[in-house]
């Protein structure tokens, strides 16, 4: 069992949905894959909510792979759009 399966997730609050949408919009609308430390920290906090698997993968890319100024556009977009076989 990995840590995601062991974590009890809550349903996202409205503010969490808005914050997540802003992070997704940065990738899908702005074509910008460079995240600040504040955005990386936010993605880490948002991982505590119960999202669909693609959003969880996206947040894991931002929170776990990205460093401030590092471009993760390809990885983050792939996490959002590719269907999962989980």
Protein backbone atom coordinates (compact mmCIF):
# COMPACT_ATOMS: atom_id res chain seq x y z
CA UNK A 1 0.00 0.00 0.00
CA UNK A 2 1.42 3.39 -0.92
CA UNK A 3 0.98 6.58 1.08
CA UNK A 4 -1.95 7.82 -1.08
CA UNK A 5 -3.95 4.72 -0.22
CA UNK A 6 -3.19 5.16 3.49
CA UNK A 7 -4.24 8.81 3.55
CA UNK A 8 -7.86 9.63 4.30
CA UNK A 9 -8.84 12.36 1.88
CA UNK A 10 -11.64 14.89 2.37
CA UNK A 11 -13.94 16.27 -0.29
CA UNK A 12 -12.44 19.48 -1.71
CA UNK A 13 -13.87 22.73 -0.37
CA UNK A 14 -14.88 25.46 -2.83
CA UNK A 15 -11.68 27.41 -2.18
CA UNK A 16 -9.60 24.28 -2.82
CA UNK A 17 -11.39 23.76 -6.13
CA UNK A 18 -10.64 27.35 -7.13
CA UNK A 19 -6.99 27.06 -6.08
CA UNK A 20 -6.63 23.81 -8.03
CA UNK A 21 -8.29 25.36 -11.08
CA UNK A 22 -5.75 28.20 -10.98
CA UNK A 23 -2.86 25.71 -10.98
CA UNK A 24 -4.44 23.70 -13.81
CA UNK A 25 -5.11 26.92 -15.75
CA UNK A 26 -1.46 27.85 -15.52
CA UNK A 27 -0.61 24.66 -17.44
CA UNK A 28 -3.56 24.38 -19.81
CA UNK A 29 -4.31 28.04 -20.56
CA UNK A 30 -1.06 29.92 -20.03
CA UNK A 31 1.27 27.11 -21.23
CA UNK A 32 3.46 27.94 -18.26
CA UNK A 33 5.10 25.02 -16.48
CA UNK A 34 7.20 27.04 -14.03
CA UNK A 35 5.80 27.10 -10.51
CA UNK A 36 6.82 29.27 -7.58
CA UNK A 37 7.56 27.81 -4.16
CA UNK A 38 4.17 29.09 -2.96
CA UNK A 39 2.40 27.23 -5.79
CA UNK A 40 4.39 24.07 -5.03
CA UNK A 41 3.41 24.33 -1.36
CA UNK A 42 -0.22 24.89 -2.36
CA UNK A 43 -0.21 21.78 -4.55
CA UNK A 44 1.13 19.80 -1.61
CA UNK A 45 -1.70 21.07 0.61
CA UNK A 46 -4.31 20.33 -2.05
CA UNK A 47 -3.21 16.69 -2.15
CA UNK A 48 -5.13 16.13 1.09
CA UNK A 49 -8.45 16.45 -0.80
CA UNK A 50 -10.25 13.71 -2.72
CA UNK A 51 -9.65 14.57 -6.41
CA UNK A 52 -9.97 12.41 -9.50
CA UNK A 53 -6.81 10.41 -10.31
CA UNK A 54 -5.60 12.78 -13.02
CA UNK A 55 -5.75 15.79 -10.70
CA UNK A 56 -3.92 13.83 -8.00
CA UNK A 57 -1.20 12.93 -10.53
CA UNK A 58 -0.99 16.58 -11.61
CA UNK A 59 -0.68 17.82 -8.02
CA UNK A 60 1.97 15.16 -7.34
CA UNK A 61 3.99 16.42 -10.31
CA UNK A 62 3.80 20.00 -9.04
CA UNK A 63 4.37 19.14 -5.37
CA UNK A 64 6.84 16.31 -5.82
CA UNK A 65 8.80 16.96 -9.00
CA UNK A 66 8.81 20.71 -9.56
CA UNK A 67 11.32 23.10 -8.03
CA UNK A 68 10.89 26.88 -8.23
CA UNK A 69 11.57 27.99 -11.79
CA UNK A 70 11.83 24.42 -13.16
CA UNK A 71 9.65 23.82 -16.22
CA UNK A 72 7.36 20.78 -15.73
CA UNK A 73 4.87 21.69 -18.47
CA UNK A 74 5.10 18.37 -20.31
CA UNK A 75 4.88 16.23 -17.18
CA UNK A 76 2.05 18.26 -15.63
CA UNK A 77 0.01 18.37 -18.84
CA UNK A 78 0.53 14.63 -19.36
CA UNK A 79 -0.72 13.94 -15.83
CA UNK A 80 -3.88 15.89 -16.60
CA UNK A 81 -4.79 14.55 -20.03
CA UNK A 82 -3.65 10.95 -20.27
CA UNK A 83 -6.17 8.36 -19.11
CA UNK A 84 -5.04 6.24 -16.22
CA UNK A 85 -5.21 2.48 -15.97
CA UNK A 86 -5.52 2.38 -12.20
